[in-house]
């Protein structure tokens, strides 16, 4: 699990005030919702890695690589 980090995001004054006055339980729920929203909106390292892997797979397929050829290459030294 990742260690939480503090970030600062400018928001409307009324929302900041409402958050400051929220209970600890409400703050935990809000933090979870904000984290979920950020995960959906921002690319993460794993998403970037997935994009790279997908791109490499596509390039290999465009050059004639098939699952069968890959299996053959992987089993050559056995």
N, C-alpha and C. Protein backbone atom coordinates (compact mmCIF):
# COMPACT_ATOMS: atom_id res chain seq x y z
N UNK A 1 0.84 -1.18 0.00
CA UNK A 1 0.00 0.00 0.00
C UNK A 1 0.88 1.23 0.00
N UNK A 2 0.46 2.27 -0.72
CA UNK A 2 1.21 3.50 -0.78
C UNK A 2 1.05 4.30 0.50
N UNK A 3 2.13 4.98 0.88
CA UNK A 3 2.07 5.88 2.02
C UNK A 3 1.37 7.15 1.58
N UNK A 4 0.37 7.61 2.31
CA UNK A 4 -0.34 8.82 1.91
C UNK A 4 0.60 10.03 1.89
N UNK A 5 0.37 10.91 0.91
CA UNK A 5 1.10 12.17 0.81
C UNK A 5 0.10 13.29 0.82
N UNK A 6 0.51 14.41 1.36
CA UNK A 6 -0.33 15.58 1.43
C UNK A 6 -0.17 16.39 0.15
N UNK A 7 -1.28 16.77 -0.49
CA UNK A 7 -1.25 17.66 -1.64
C UNK A 7 -2.14 18.86 -1.35
N UNK A 8 -1.95 19.93 -2.09
CA UNK A 8 -2.77 21.13 -1.91
C UNK A 8 -3.48 21.43 -3.22
N UNK A 9 -4.80 21.58 -3.14
CA UNK A 9 -5.60 21.89 -4.32
C UNK A 9 -6.48 23.09 -3.98
N UNK A 10 -6.38 24.15 -4.77
CA UNK A 10 -7.25 25.31 -4.51
C UNK A 10 -8.72 24.95 -4.76
N UNK A 11 -9.59 25.29 -3.83
CA UNK A 11 -11.03 25.06 -3.99
C UNK A 11 -11.77 26.28 -3.47
N UNK A 12 -13.06 26.33 -3.73
CA UNK A 12 -13.90 27.44 -3.28
C UNK A 12 -13.87 27.52 -1.75
N UNK A 13 -13.92 28.74 -1.26
CA UNK A 13 -13.84 28.99 0.19
C UNK A 13 -14.93 28.26 0.97
N UNK A 14 -16.14 28.22 0.42
CA UNK A 14 -17.23 27.57 1.15
C UNK A 14 -16.99 26.07 1.29
N UNK A 15 -16.37 25.45 0.26
CA UNK A 15 -16.05 24.03 0.35
C UNK A 15 -14.94 23.78 1.36
N UNK A 16 -13.94 24.65 1.36
CA UNK A 16 -12.85 24.52 2.32
C UNK A 16 -13.38 24.64 3.74
N UNK A 17 -14.29 25.56 3.95
CA UNK A 17 -14.88 25.75 5.28
C UNK A 17 -15.72 24.53 5.68
N UNK A 18 -16.50 24.03 4.74
CA UNK A 18 -17.34 22.86 5.03
C UNK A 18 -16.46 21.65 5.37
N UNK A 19 -15.36 21.48 4.63
CA UNK A 19 -14.46 20.36 4.90
C UNK A 19 -13.82 20.51 6.27
N UNK A 20 -13.39 21.73 6.60
CA UNK A 20 -12.76 21.98 7.90
C UNK A 20 -13.71 21.64 9.05
N UNK A 21 -14.99 21.85 8.83
CA UNK A 21 -15.98 21.60 9.88
C UNK A 21 -16.56 20.18 9.85
N UNK A 22 -16.14 19.38 8.89
CA UNK A 22 -16.66 18.01 8.78
C UNK A 22 -16.09 17.13 9.89
N UNK A 23 -16.81 16.08 10.22
CA UNK A 23 -16.33 15.13 11.22
C UNK A 23 -15.18 14.31 10.62
N UNK A 24 -14.44 13.64 11.48
CA UNK A 24 -13.33 12.80 11.01
C UNK A 24 -13.84 11.73 10.07
N UNK A 25 -14.99 11.16 10.37
CA UNK A 25 -15.59 10.13 9.53
C UNK A 25 -15.95 10.69 8.15
N UNK A 26 -16.53 11.88 8.12
CA UNK A 26 -16.88 12.51 6.85
C UNK A 26 -15.62 12.84 6.05
N UNK A 27 -14.58 13.30 6.72
CA UNK A 27 -13.32 13.63 6.04
C UNK A 27 -12.70 12.39 5.39
N UNK A 28 -12.75 11.27 6.08
CA UNK A 28 -12.21 10.02 5.53
C UNK A 28 -12.98 9.63 4.27
N UNK A 29 -14.30 9.76 4.30
CA UNK A 29 -15.12 9.44 3.13
C UNK A 29 -14.80 10.39 1.97
N UNK A 30 -14.66 11.66 2.26
CA UNK A 30 -14.34 12.66 1.23
C UNK A 30 -12.97 12.37 0.64
N UNK A 31 -11.99 12.08 1.48
CA UNK A 31 -10.64 11.79 1.00
C UNK A 31 -10.64 10.57 0.08
N UNK A 32 -11.41 9.56 0.42
CA UNK A 32 -11.50 8.36 -0.41
C UNK A 32 -12.11 8.69 -1.77
N UNK A 33 -13.14 9.53 -1.77
CA UNK A 33 -13.79 9.91 -3.03
C UNK A 33 -12.84 10.75 -3.90
N UNK A 34 -12.11 11.67 -3.29
CA UNK A 34 -11.17 12.50 -4.04
C UNK A 34 -10.06 11.62 -4.61
N UNK A 35 -9.54 10.69 -3.83
CA UNK A 35 -8.50 9.79 -4.31
C UNK A 35 -9.02 8.96 -5.50
N UNK A 36 -10.22 8.47 -5.39
CA UNK A 36 -10.82 7.69 -6.48
C UNK A 36 -10.94 8.54 -7.74
N UNK A 37 -11.40 9.76 -7.61
CA UNK A 37 -11.54 10.66 -8.74
C UNK A 37 -10.19 10.94 -9.39
N UNK A 38 -9.17 11.20 -8.59
CA UNK A 38 -7.84 11.47 -9.14
C UNK A 38 -7.27 10.25 -9.85
N UNK A 39 -7.50 9.06 -9.30
CA UNK A 39 -7.02 7.83 -9.95
C UNK A 39 -7.66 7.65 -11.33
N UNK A 40 -8.92 8.01 -11.46
CA UNK A 40 -9.61 7.89 -12.74
C UNK A 40 -9.13 8.93 -13.74
N UNK A 41 -8.79 10.12 -13.26
CA UNK A 41 -8.47 11.23 -14.15
C UNK A 41 -6.99 11.34 -14.52
N UNK A 42 -6.11 10.86 -13.65
CA UNK A 42 -4.68 11.03 -13.88
C UNK A 42 -4.01 9.71 -14.20
N UNK A 43 -3.12 9.71 -15.20
CA UNK A 43 -2.39 8.46 -15.49
C UNK A 43 -1.41 8.16 -14.37
N UNK A 44 -1.29 6.89 -14.06
CA UNK A 44 -0.32 6.48 -13.05
C UNK A 44 0.79 5.71 -13.74
N UNK A 45 1.83 5.38 -13.02
CA UNK A 45 2.95 4.64 -13.59
C UNK A 45 2.47 3.33 -14.20
N UNK A 46 1.60 2.60 -13.51
CA UNK A 46 1.14 1.32 -14.04
C UNK A 46 0.33 1.50 -15.32
N UNK A 47 -0.46 2.56 -15.40
CA UNK A 47 -1.20 2.82 -16.62
C UNK A 47 -0.24 3.15 -17.76
N UNK A 48 0.78 3.92 -17.46
CA UNK A 48 1.76 4.26 -18.46
C UNK A 48 2.49 3.01 -18.91
N UNK A 49 2.84 2.15 -17.98
CA UNK A 49 3.49 0.89 -18.32
C UNK A 49 2.58 0.05 -19.20
N UNK A 50 1.31 -0.01 -18.88
CA UNK A 50 0.37 -0.76 -19.69
C UNK A 50 0.32 -0.21 -21.11
N UNK A 51 0.38 1.10 -21.25
CA UNK A 51 0.38 1.72 -22.57
C UNK A 51 1.62 1.33 -23.36
N UNK A 52 2.77 1.32 -22.69
CA UNK A 52 4.02 0.93 -23.34
C UNK A 52 3.96 -0.52 -23.78
N UNK A 53 3.50 -1.39 -22.91
CA UNK A 53 3.40 -2.81 -23.24
C UNK A 53 2.44 -3.01 -24.42
N UNK A 54 1.33 -2.31 -24.40
CA UNK A 54 0.37 -2.41 -25.50
C UNK A 54 1.01 -1.94 -26.81
N UNK A 55 1.72 -0.83 -26.76
CA UNK A 55 2.37 -0.29 -27.97
C UNK A 55 3.41 -1.28 -28.51
N UNK A 56 4.22 -1.85 -27.60
CA UNK A 56 5.23 -2.82 -28.04
C UNK A 56 4.57 -4.07 -28.63
N UNK A 57 3.50 -4.52 -28.03
CA UNK A 57 2.77 -5.68 -28.55
C UNK A 57 2.24 -5.40 -29.94
N UNK A 58 1.71 -4.20 -30.12
CA UNK A 58 1.15 -3.82 -31.42
C UNK A 58 2.25 -3.76 -32.48
N UNK A 59 3.40 -3.18 -32.12
CA UNK A 59 4.52 -3.11 -33.07
C UNK A 59 5.02 -4.51 -33.44
N UNK A 60 5.10 -5.39 -32.46
CA UNK A 60 5.54 -6.77 -32.73
C UNK A 60 4.55 -7.46 -33.65
N UNK A 61 3.27 -7.28 -33.41
CA UNK A 61 2.25 -7.89 -34.27
C UNK A 61 2.33 -7.33 -35.69
N UNK A 62 2.55 -6.02 -35.79
CA UNK A 62 2.67 -5.39 -37.12
C UNK A 62 3.86 -5.94 -37.89
N UNK A 63 4.87 -6.40 -37.16
CA UNK A 63 6.08 -6.94 -37.80
C UNK A 63 6.01 -8.46 -37.98
N UNK A 64 4.85 -9.03 -37.71
CA UNK A 64 4.66 -10.45 -37.98
C UNK A 64 4.77 -11.37 -36.78
N UNK A 65 4.97 -10.83 -35.60
CA UNK A 65 5.07 -11.67 -34.41
C UNK A 65 3.68 -12.23 -34.08
N UNK A 66 3.64 -13.53 -33.85
CA UNK A 66 2.40 -14.18 -33.45
C UNK A 66 2.64 -14.87 -32.12
N UNK A 67 1.60 -15.22 -31.40
CA UNK A 67 1.79 -15.95 -30.14
C UNK A 67 2.56 -17.26 -30.35
N UNK A 68 2.34 -17.91 -31.50
CA UNK A 68 3.04 -19.17 -31.78
C UNK A 68 4.55 -18.93 -31.96
N UNK A 69 4.91 -17.88 -32.70
CA UNK A 69 6.33 -17.56 -32.91
C UNK A 69 6.97 -17.19 -31.58
N UNK A 70 6.29 -16.41 -30.78
CA UNK A 70 6.82 -16.03 -29.47
C UNK A 70 7.05 -17.26 -28.61
N UNK A 71 6.10 -18.18 -28.61
CA UNK A 71 6.23 -19.42 -27.83
C UNK A 71 7.44 -20.21 -28.30
N UNK A 72 7.63 -20.30 -29.62
CA UNK A 72 8.80 -20.99 -30.17
C UNK A 72 10.10 -20.37 -29.70
N UNK A 73 10.16 -19.04 -29.77
CA UNK A 73 11.37 -18.34 -29.35
C UNK A 73 11.65 -18.55 -27.87
N UNK A 74 10.62 -18.55 -27.07
CA UNK A 74 10.79 -18.72 -25.62
C UNK A 74 11.21 -20.15 -25.27
N UNK A 75 10.84 -21.11 -26.10
CA UNK A 75 11.15 -22.51 -25.82
C UNK A 75 12.41 -23.02 -26.52
N UNK A 76 13.12 -22.14 -27.25
CA UNK A 76 14.31 -22.58 -28.00
C UNK A 76 15.38 -23.21 -27.13
N UNK A 77 15.60 -22.74 -25.95
CA UNK A 77 16.68 -23.22 -25.10
C UNK A 77 16.28 -24.38 -24.19
N UNK A 78 15.10 -24.86 -24.33
CA UNK A 78 14.66 -25.96 -23.46
C UNK A 78 15.08 -27.29 -23.99
